[in-house]
Amino acid sequence: MNVSRWEMHTLLAAEAEKDHKPMMSVIHYQLALSESQQLEPVDGTLDELEELLAIKVTACHNMASFWRKQGDGDYELKYLQLASEQIMALIPQCPNRDCEAFISSLGCCKSALIDFLKRHPNPKVAKQVAHITTSNQCELIARFRLQ
């Protein structure tokens, strides 16, 4: 699994974002996402699969973060959902069904969803979730939360 092209586009996107070049940033984030989707495991080891999942989810979260900064909640949610789909595709069932972080329809992105809802344009919705805090106790998925 060669991740060099994904890394290159991710770094170029972050650099463009820092230089206030949103068009170049989104192009590179999209290319990084595309590269992540083409990656396939070589050995199939647990470490390799975890790295692949981290790359795919990070690429989605980078896109969600970009659109959040641009003020576009629809695209932010789209990429949060895509991150969830990536998790569910590689880890179709969390072995801990009692874990409070597991939501069947959104997989492991509960924290990202709640953060999104806290900024909901409808103040009534935002107010309803404002007091919710999450602690992700599932060891398998804790590393994929948005920062």
N, C-alpha and C. Protein backbone atom coordinates (compact mmCIF):
# COMPACT_ATOMS: atom_id res chain seq x y z
N MET A 1 0.86 -1.18 0.00
CA MET A 1 0.00 0.00 0.00
C MET A 1 0.91 1.23 0.00
N ASN A 2 0.85 1.98 -1.07
CA ASN A 2 1.68 3.17 -1.20
C ASN A 2 0.82 4.40 -0.94
N VAL A 3 1.10 5.09 0.15
CA VAL A 3 0.28 6.23 0.56
C VAL A 3 0.92 7.57 0.20
N SER A 4 2.00 7.55 -0.54
CA SER A 4 2.74 8.78 -0.81
C SER A 4 1.91 9.82 -1.56
N ARG A 5 1.11 9.40 -2.52
CA ARG A 5 0.30 10.38 -3.27
C ARG A 5 -0.79 10.97 -2.38
N TRP A 6 -1.40 10.14 -1.52
CA TRP A 6 -2.39 10.66 -0.57
C TRP A 6 -1.74 11.67 0.37
N GLU A 7 -0.57 11.34 0.89
CA GLU A 7 0.15 12.25 1.79
C GLU A 7 0.48 13.56 1.09
N MET A 8 0.98 13.46 -0.16
CA MET A 8 1.36 14.65 -0.91
C MET A 8 0.16 15.59 -1.09
N HIS A 9 -0.98 15.06 -1.52
CA HIS A 9 -2.15 15.90 -1.74
C HIS A 9 -2.70 16.47 -0.43
N THR A 10 -2.62 15.69 0.63
CA THR A 10 -3.09 16.17 1.93
C THR A 10 -2.23 17.34 2.40
N LEU A 11 -0.92 17.20 2.25
CA LEU A 11 -0.01 18.29 2.65
C LEU A 11 -0.19 19.53 1.77
N LEU A 12 -0.34 19.33 0.47
CA LEU A 12 -0.55 20.46 -0.43
C LEU A 12 -1.87 21.17 -0.13
N ALA A 13 -2.88 20.42 0.23
CA ALA A 13 -4.18 21.01 0.58
C ALA A 13 -4.07 21.85 1.85
N ALA A 14 -3.40 21.31 2.85
CA ALA A 14 -3.23 22.05 4.11
C ALA A 14 -2.41 23.32 3.89
N GLU A 15 -1.40 23.21 3.06
CA GLU A 15 -0.56 24.37 2.75
C GLU A 15 -1.36 25.43 2.00
N ALA A 16 -2.16 25.02 1.03
CA ALA A 16 -3.00 25.96 0.28
C ALA A 16 -4.03 26.61 1.19
N GLU A 17 -4.57 25.85 2.11
CA GLU A 17 -5.54 26.40 3.06
C GLU A 17 -4.87 27.45 3.95
N LYS A 18 -3.66 27.16 4.37
CA LYS A 18 -2.92 28.11 5.20
C LYS A 18 -2.58 29.39 4.43
N ASP A 19 -2.38 29.24 3.13
CA ASP A 19 -2.06 30.39 2.26
C ASP A 19 -3.33 31.08 1.75
N HIS A 20 -4.48 30.71 2.29
CA HIS A 20 -5.77 31.32 1.92
C HIS A 20 -6.07 31.15 0.43
N LYS A 21 -5.85 29.92 -0.05
CA LYS A 21 -6.17 29.57 -1.43
C LYS A 21 -7.18 28.43 -1.40
N PRO A 22 -8.46 28.76 -1.12
CA PRO A 22 -9.46 27.70 -0.93
C PRO A 22 -9.68 26.82 -2.14
N MET A 23 -9.59 27.36 -3.33
CA MET A 23 -9.81 26.53 -4.52
C MET A 23 -8.73 25.45 -4.65
N MET A 24 -7.48 25.84 -4.45
CA MET A 24 -6.40 24.86 -4.53
C MET A 24 -6.51 23.86 -3.37
N SER A 25 -6.92 24.35 -2.23
CA SER A 25 -7.06 23.49 -1.07
C SER A 25 -8.11 22.41 -1.31
N VAL A 26 -9.28 22.80 -1.78
CA VAL A 26 -10.34 21.81 -2.00
C VAL A 26 -9.97 20.85 -3.11
N ILE A 27 -9.26 21.32 -4.12
CA ILE A 27 -8.83 20.43 -5.20
C ILE A 27 -7.90 19.35 -4.65
N HIS A 28 -6.93 19.76 -3.83
CA HIS A 28 -5.99 18.78 -3.28
C HIS A 28 -6.65 17.87 -2.26
N TYR A 29 -7.57 18.41 -1.45
CA TYR A 29 -8.30 17.53 -0.53
C TYR A 29 -9.12 16.51 -1.29
N GLN A 30 -9.72 16.92 -2.41
CA GLN A 30 -10.51 16.00 -3.21
C GLN A 30 -9.61 14.95 -3.86
N LEU A 31 -8.44 15.38 -4.33
CA LEU A 31 -7.50 14.41 -4.91
C LEU A 31 -7.00 13.43 -3.84
N ALA A 32 -6.77 13.93 -2.64
CA ALA A 32 -6.35 13.05 -1.53
C ALA A 32 -7.45 12.04 -1.22
N LEU A 33 -8.69 12.50 -1.21
CA LEU A 33 -9.82 11.59 -0.98
C LEU A 33 -9.88 10.54 -2.07
N SER A 34 -9.70 10.96 -3.31
CA SER A 34 -9.72 10.02 -4.43
C SER A 34 -8.59 8.99 -4.29
N GLU A 35 -7.40 9.46 -3.93
CA GLU A 35 -6.27 8.54 -3.73
C GLU A 35 -6.56 7.55 -2.61
N SER A 36 -7.20 8.03 -1.54
CA SER A 36 -7.50 7.14 -0.41
C SER A 36 -8.48 6.05 -0.83
N GLN A 37 -9.40 6.37 -1.73
CA GLN A 37 -10.38 5.40 -2.17
C GLN A 37 -9.77 4.31 -3.04
N GLN A 38 -8.64 4.61 -3.65
CA GLN A 38 -7.98 3.65 -4.53
C GLN A 38 -7.00 2.74 -3.80
N LEU A 39 -6.69 3.07 -2.55
CA LEU A 39 -5.75 2.26 -1.79
C LEU A 39 -6.36 0.91 -1.43
N GLU A 40 -5.56 -0.11 -1.56
CA GLU A 40 -5.98 -1.47 -1.22
C GLU A 40 -4.93 -2.09 -0.30
N PRO A 41 -5.35 -2.92 0.64
CA PRO A 41 -4.37 -3.59 1.50
C PRO A 41 -3.53 -4.58 0.70
N VAL A 42 -2.27 -4.70 1.08
CA VAL A 42 -1.37 -5.63 0.42
C VAL A 42 -1.27 -6.93 1.22
N ASP A 43 -0.98 -6.78 2.50
CA ASP A 43 -0.79 -7.96 3.35
C ASP A 43 -2.06 -8.39 4.08
N GLY A 44 -2.96 -7.45 4.31
CA GLY A 44 -4.18 -7.76 5.02
C GLY A 44 -4.00 -7.90 6.52
N THR A 45 -2.89 -7.38 7.04
CA THR A 45 -2.66 -7.45 8.48
C THR A 45 -3.57 -6.45 9.18
N LEU A 46 -3.78 -6.66 10.47
CA LEU A 46 -4.63 -5.76 11.24
C LEU A 46 -4.05 -4.35 11.23
N ASP A 47 -2.73 -4.22 11.37
CA ASP A 47 -2.10 -2.89 11.35
C ASP A 47 -2.32 -2.19 10.02
N GLU A 48 -2.19 -2.93 8.93
CA GLU A 48 -2.39 -2.34 7.61
C GLU A 48 -3.84 -1.92 7.41
N LEU A 49 -4.78 -2.73 7.86
CA LEU A 49 -6.19 -2.38 7.73
C LEU A 49 -6.54 -1.16 8.59
N GLU A 50 -5.96 -1.07 9.78
CA GLU A 50 -6.20 0.10 10.63
C GLU A 50 -5.63 1.36 9.98
N GLU A 51 -4.45 1.24 9.37
CA GLU A 51 -3.85 2.39 8.68
C GLU A 51 -4.71 2.80 7.49
N LEU A 52 -5.18 1.84 6.73
CA LEU A 52 -6.04 2.13 5.58
C LEU A 52 -7.32 2.83 6.02
N LEU A 53 -7.93 2.33 7.08
CA LEU A 53 -9.14 2.95 7.60
C LEU A 53 -8.87 4.37 8.08
N ALA A 54 -7.76 4.55 8.78
CA ALA A 54 -7.40 5.89 9.27
C ALA A 54 -7.22 6.87 8.11
N ILE A 55 -6.59 6.42 7.04
CA ILE A 55 -6.38 7.27 5.87
C ILE A 55 -7.71 7.65 5.22
N LYS A 56 -8.59 6.67 5.03
CA LYS A 56 -9.87 6.93 4.38
C LYS A 56 -10.73 7.88 5.22
N VAL A 57 -10.76 7.67 6.52
CA VAL A 57 -11.56 8.51 7.40
C VAL A 57 -10.95 9.91 7.51
N THR A 58 -9.64 9.99 7.60
CA THR A 58 -8.98 11.29 7.65
C THR A 58 -9.26 12.11 6.40
N ALA A 59 -9.23 11.47 5.25
CA ALA A 59 -9.52 12.17 3.99
C ALA A 59 -10.94 12.74 4.01
N CYS A 60 -11.88 11.97 4.50
CA CYS A 60 -13.28 12.45 4.60
C CYS A 60 -13.40 13.58 5.61
N HIS A 61 -12.74 13.43 6.76
CA HIS A 61 -12.81 14.47 7.78
C HIS A 61 -12.12 15.75 7.34
N ASN A 62 -11.07 15.63 6.54
CA ASN A 62 -10.43 16.84 6.00
C ASN A 62 -11.40 17.60 5.11
N MET A 63 -12.14 16.86 4.28
CA MET A 63 -13.14 17.51 3.42
C MET A 63 -14.25 18.13 4.26
N ALA A 64 -14.72 17.43 5.28
CA ALA A 64 -15.77 17.96 6.15
C ALA A 64 -15.29 19.22 6.86
N SER A 65 -14.07 19.18 7.34
CA SER A 65 -13.50 20.34 8.03
C SER A 65 -13.37 21.53 7.08
N PHE A 66 -12.93 21.26 5.86
CA PHE A 66 -12.81 22.34 4.87
C PHE A 66 -14.16 23.00 4.65
N TRP A 67 -15.21 22.20 4.43
CA TRP A 67 -16.52 22.77 4.15
C TRP A 67 -17.12 23.45 5.38
N ARG A 68 -16.80 22.96 6.57
CA ARG A 68 -17.25 23.63 7.79
C ARG A 68 -16.66 25.03 7.85
N LYS A 69 -15.37 25.15 7.54
CA LYS A 69 -14.70 26.47 7.55
C LYS A 69 -15.28 27.39 6.49
N GLN A 70 -15.81 26.80 5.40
CA GLN A 70 -16.41 27.59 4.33
C GLN A 70 -17.87 27.95 4.64
N GLY A 71 -18.39 27.37 5.72
CA GLY A 71 -19.76 27.66 6.12
C GLY A 71 -20.81 26.83 5.38
N ASP A 72 -20.41 25.73 4.78
CA ASP A 72 -21.34 24.90 4.02
C ASP A 72 -21.64 23.62 4.80
N GLY A 73 -22.70 23.66 5.59
CA GLY A 73 -23.07 22.54 6.43
C GLY A 73 -23.53 21.32 5.66
N ASP A 74 -24.13 21.53 4.49
CA ASP A 74 -24.60 20.39 3.69
C ASP A 74 -23.43 19.51 3.24
N TYR A 75 -22.38 20.15 2.74
CA TYR A 75 -21.22 19.38 2.31
C TYR A 75 -20.47 18.81 3.50
N GLU A 76 -20.43 19.55 4.60
CA GLU A 76 -19.78 19.02 5.80
C GLU A 76 -20.45 17.71 6.20
N LEU A 77 -21.77 17.70 6.28
CA LEU A 77 -22.50 16.50 6.66
C LEU A 77 -22.29 15.38 5.64
N LYS A 78 -22.24 15.72 4.36
CA LYS A 78 -22.01 14.72 3.32
C LYS A 78 -20.71 13.97 3.57
N TYR A 79 -19.64 14.69 3.90
CA TYR A 79 -18.35 14.04 4.09
C TYR A 79 -18.25 13.34 5.44
N LEU A 80 -19.00 13.80 6.44
CA LEU A 80 -19.08 13.05 7.70
C LEU A 80 -19.78 11.72 7.47
N GLN A 81 -20.82 11.74 6.66
CA GLN A 81 -21.52 10.49 6.34
C GLN A 81 -20.63 9.56 5.53
N LEU A 82 -19.84 10.13 4.62
CA LEU A 82 -18.92 9.31 3.84
C LEU A 82 -17.88 8.66 4.75
N ALA A 83 -17.41 9.40 5.75
CA ALA A 83 -16.46 8.83 6.71
C ALA A 83 -17.10 7.65 7.43
N SER A 84 -18.33 7.82 7.81
CA SER A 84 -19.06 6.74 8.48
C SER A 84 -19.17 5.52 7.56
N GLU A 85 -19.47 5.76 6.30
CA GLU A 85 -19.59 4.65 5.35
C GLU A 85 -18.26 3.91 5.19
N GLN A 86 -17.15 4.66 5.22
CA GLN A 86 -15.83 4.03 5.12
C GLN A 86 -15.61 3.10 6.31
N ILE A 87 -15.99 3.56 7.48
CA ILE A 87 -15.82 2.73 8.68
C ILE A 87 -16.69 1.49 8.58
N MET A 88 -17.94 1.68 8.22
CA MET A 88 -18.86 0.55 8.16
C MET A 88 -18.48 -0.43 7.05
N ALA A 89 -17.82 0.04 6.00
CA ALA A 89 -17.41 -0.85 4.92
C ALA A 89 -16.26 -1.76 5.36
N LEU A 90 -15.32 -1.21 6.14
CA LEU A 90 -14.18 -2.02 6.57
C LEU A 90 -14.42 -2.72 7.90
N ILE A 91 -15.24 -2.13 8.75
CA ILE A 91 -15.60 -2.73 10.03
C ILE A 91 -17.11 -2.77 10.09
N PRO A 92 -17.73 -3.74 9.44
CA PRO A 92 -19.18 -3.71 9.30
C PRO A 92 -19.95 -3.82 10.61
N GLN A 93 -19.37 -4.41 11.62
CA GLN A 93 -20.08 -4.51 12.88
C GLN A 93 -19.11 -4.29 14.03
N CYS A 94 -19.44 -3.35 14.88
CA CYS A 94 -18.66 -3.14 16.09
C CYS A 94 -18.97 -4.29 17.02
N PRO A 95 -17.96 -4.96 17.57
CA PRO A 95 -18.24 -6.11 18.43
C PRO A 95 -18.89 -5.72 19.76
N ASN A 96 -18.82 -4.47 20.12
CA ASN A 96 -19.39 -4.02 21.38
C ASN A 96 -20.69 -3.29 21.12
N ARG A 97 -21.80 -4.01 21.04
CA ARG A 97 -23.10 -3.41 20.73
C ARG A 97 -23.61 -2.51 21.85
N ASP A 98 -23.08 -2.64 23.05
CA ASP A 98 -23.52 -1.81 24.17
C ASP A 98 -22.76 -0.50 24.27
N CYS A 99 -21.80 -0.31 23.39
CA CYS A 99 -20.98 0.91 23.41
C CYS A 99 -21.85 2.12 23.11
N GLU A 100 -21.79 3.14 23.95
CA GLU A 100 -22.64 4.31 23.75
C GLU A 100 -22.28 5.09 22.49
N ALA A 101 -21.10 4.86 21.94
CA ALA A 101 -20.67 5.59 20.75
C ALA A 101 -21.23 4.99 19.46
N PHE A 102 -21.81 3.80 19.53
CA PHE A 102 -22.28 3.14 18.32
C PHE A 102 -23.67 3.62 17.94
N ILE A 103 -23.81 4.11 16.73
CA ILE A 103 -25.11 4.48 16.18
C ILE A 103 -25.21 3.75 14.85
N SER A 104 -26.21 2.92 14.68
CA SER A 104 -26.26 2.06 13.50
C SER A 104 -26.29 2.85 12.19
N SER A 105 -27.00 3.96 12.14
CA SER A 105 -27.12 4.67 10.88
C SER A 105 -25.93 5.56 10.57
N LEU A 106 -25.18 5.97 11.58
CA LEU A 106 -24.03 6.83 11.34
C LEU A 106 -22.75 6.21 11.83
N GLY A 107 -22.78 4.94 12.16
CA GLY A 107 -21.57 4.24 12.53
C GLY A 107 -20.83 4.92 13.66
N CYS A 108 -19.61 5.23 13.41
CA CYS A 108 -18.72 5.66 14.47
C CYS A 108 -18.47 7.16 14.50
N CYS A 109 -19.24 7.92 13.80
CA CYS A 109 -19.00 9.37 13.75
C CYS A 109 -19.96 10.13 14.65
N LYS A 110 -20.32 9.56 15.78
CA LYS A 110 -21.26 10.19 16.70
C LYS A 110 -20.76 11.56 17.15
N SER A 111 -19.50 11.65 17.53
CA SER A 111 -18.96 12.92 18.01
C SER A 111 -19.01 13.99 16.92
N ALA A 112 -18.65 13.61 15.71
CA ALA A 112 -18.67 14.56 14.60
C ALA A 112 -20.09 15.01 14.32
N LEU A 113 -21.04 14.09 14.39
CA LEU A 113 -22.44 14.45 14.15
C LEU A 113 -22.93 15.43 15.22
N ILE A 114 -22.62 15.16 16.47
CA ILE A 114 -23.07 16.04 17.55
C ILE A 114 -22.43 17.42 17.41
N ASP A 115 -21.14 17.46 17.07
CA ASP A 115 -20.49 18.76 16.83
C ASP A 115 -21.19 19.50 15.70
N PHE A 116 -21.57 18.78 14.66
CA PHE A 116 -22.29 19.38 13.53
C PHE A 116 -23.63 19.94 13.99
N LEU A 117 -24.37 19.14 14.75
CA LEU A 117 -25.70 19.58 15.20
C LEU A 117 -25.63 20.78 16.13
N LYS A 118 -24.55 20.91 16.88
CA LYS A 118 -24.39 22.06 17.78
C LYS A 118 -24.30 23.37 16.99
N ARG A 119 -23.96 23.28 15.71
CA ARG A 119 -23.87 24.47 14.86
C ARG A 119 -25.05 24.53 13.88
N HIS A 120 -26.10 23.79 14.18
CA HIS A 120 -27.26 23.72 13.28
C HIS A 120 -27.84 25.11 13.05
N PRO A 121 -28.24 25.43 11.82
CA PRO A 121 -28.79 26.77 11.53
C PRO A 121 -30.10 27.04 12.28
N ASN A 122 -30.84 26.00 12.63
CA ASN A 122 -32.06 26.19 13.40
C ASN A 122 -31.66 26.27 14.87
N PRO A 123 -31.81 27.44 15.51
CA PRO A 123 -31.37 27.59 16.90
C PRO A 123 -32.04 26.62 17.86
N LYS A 124 -33.25 26.19 17.55
CA LYS A 124 -33.94 25.24 18.43
C LYS A 124 -33.22 23.89 18.45
N VAL A 125 -32.77 23.45 17.27
CA VAL A 125 -32.04 22.18 17.19
C VAL A 125 -30.69 22.32 17.89
N ALA A 126 -29.99 23.41 17.61
CA ALA A 126 -28.69 23.63 18.23
C ALA A 126 -28.81 23.68 19.75
N LYS A 127 -29.85 24.33 20.24
CA LYS A 127 -30.04 24.45 21.69
C LYS A 127 -30.33 23.09 22.31
N GLN A 128 -31.05 22.23 21.61
CA GLN A 128 -31.38 20.91 22.15
C GLN A 128 -30.16 20.03 22.34
N VAL A 129 -29.14 20.19 21.49
CA VAL A 129 -27.95 19.34 21.60
C VAL A 129 -26.77 20.05 22.25
N ALA A 130 -26.93 21.31 22.60
CA ALA A 130 -25.82 22.10 23.13
C ALA A 130 -25.22 21.48 24.39
N HIS A 131 -26.04 20.85 25.20
CA HIS A 131 -25.56 20.30 26.46
C HIS A 131 -24.96 18.90 26.32
N ILE A 132 -25.09 18.29 25.16
CA ILE A 132 -24.60 16.92 24.97
C ILE A 132 -23.08 16.93 24.82
N THR A 133 -22.45 16.10 25.60
CA THR A 133 -21.01 15.85 25.42
C THR A 133 -20.87 14.36 25.19
N THR A 134 -19.85 14.00 24.49
CA THR A 134 -19.65 12.58 24.21
C THR A 134 -18.30 12.14 24.70
N SER A 135 -18.25 10.97 25.20
CA SER A 135 -16.97 10.34 25.51
C SER A 135 -16.97 9.03 24.76
N ASN A 136 -16.09 8.93 23.84
CA ASN A 136 -16.05 7.76 22.97
C ASN A 136 -15.28 6.65 23.67
N GLN A 137 -15.98 5.62 24.10
CA GLN A 137 -15.34 4.56 24.87
C GLN A 137 -14.97 3.35 24.02
N CYS A 138 -15.30 3.35 22.77
CA CYS A 138 -14.98 2.21 21.92
C CYS A 138 -13.53 2.34 21.45
N GLU A 139 -12.67 1.44 21.92
CA GLU A 139 -11.24 1.51 21.59
C GLU A 139 -11.01 1.43 20.09
N LEU A 140 -11.85 0.68 19.41
CA LEU A 140 -11.68 0.44 17.98
C LEU A 140 -11.86 1.71 17.14
N ILE A 141 -12.72 2.63 17.60
CA ILE A 141 -13.08 3.77 16.77
C ILE A 141 -12.69 5.12 17.36
N ALA A 142 -12.14 5.15 18.54
CA ALA A 142 -11.88 6.42 19.21
C ALA A 142 -10.95 7.32 18.42
N ARG A 143 -10.05 6.77 17.66
CA ARG A 143 -9.07 7.60 16.95
C ARG A 143 -9.64 8.36 15.76
N PHE A 144 -10.90 8.07 15.35
CA PHE A 144 -11.45 8.70 14.16
C PHE A 144 -12.33 9.90 14.47
N ARG A 145 -12.33 10.38 15.69
CA ARG A 145 -13.15 11.54 16.02
C ARG A 145 -12.56 12.80 15.42
N LEU A 146 -13.40 13.74 15.08
CA LEU A 146 -12.90 15.02 14.58
C LEU A 146 -12.21 15.75 15.70
N GLN A 147 -11.18 16.48 15.38
CA GLN A 147 -10.46 17.24 16.41
C GLN A 147 -11.00 18.63 16.50
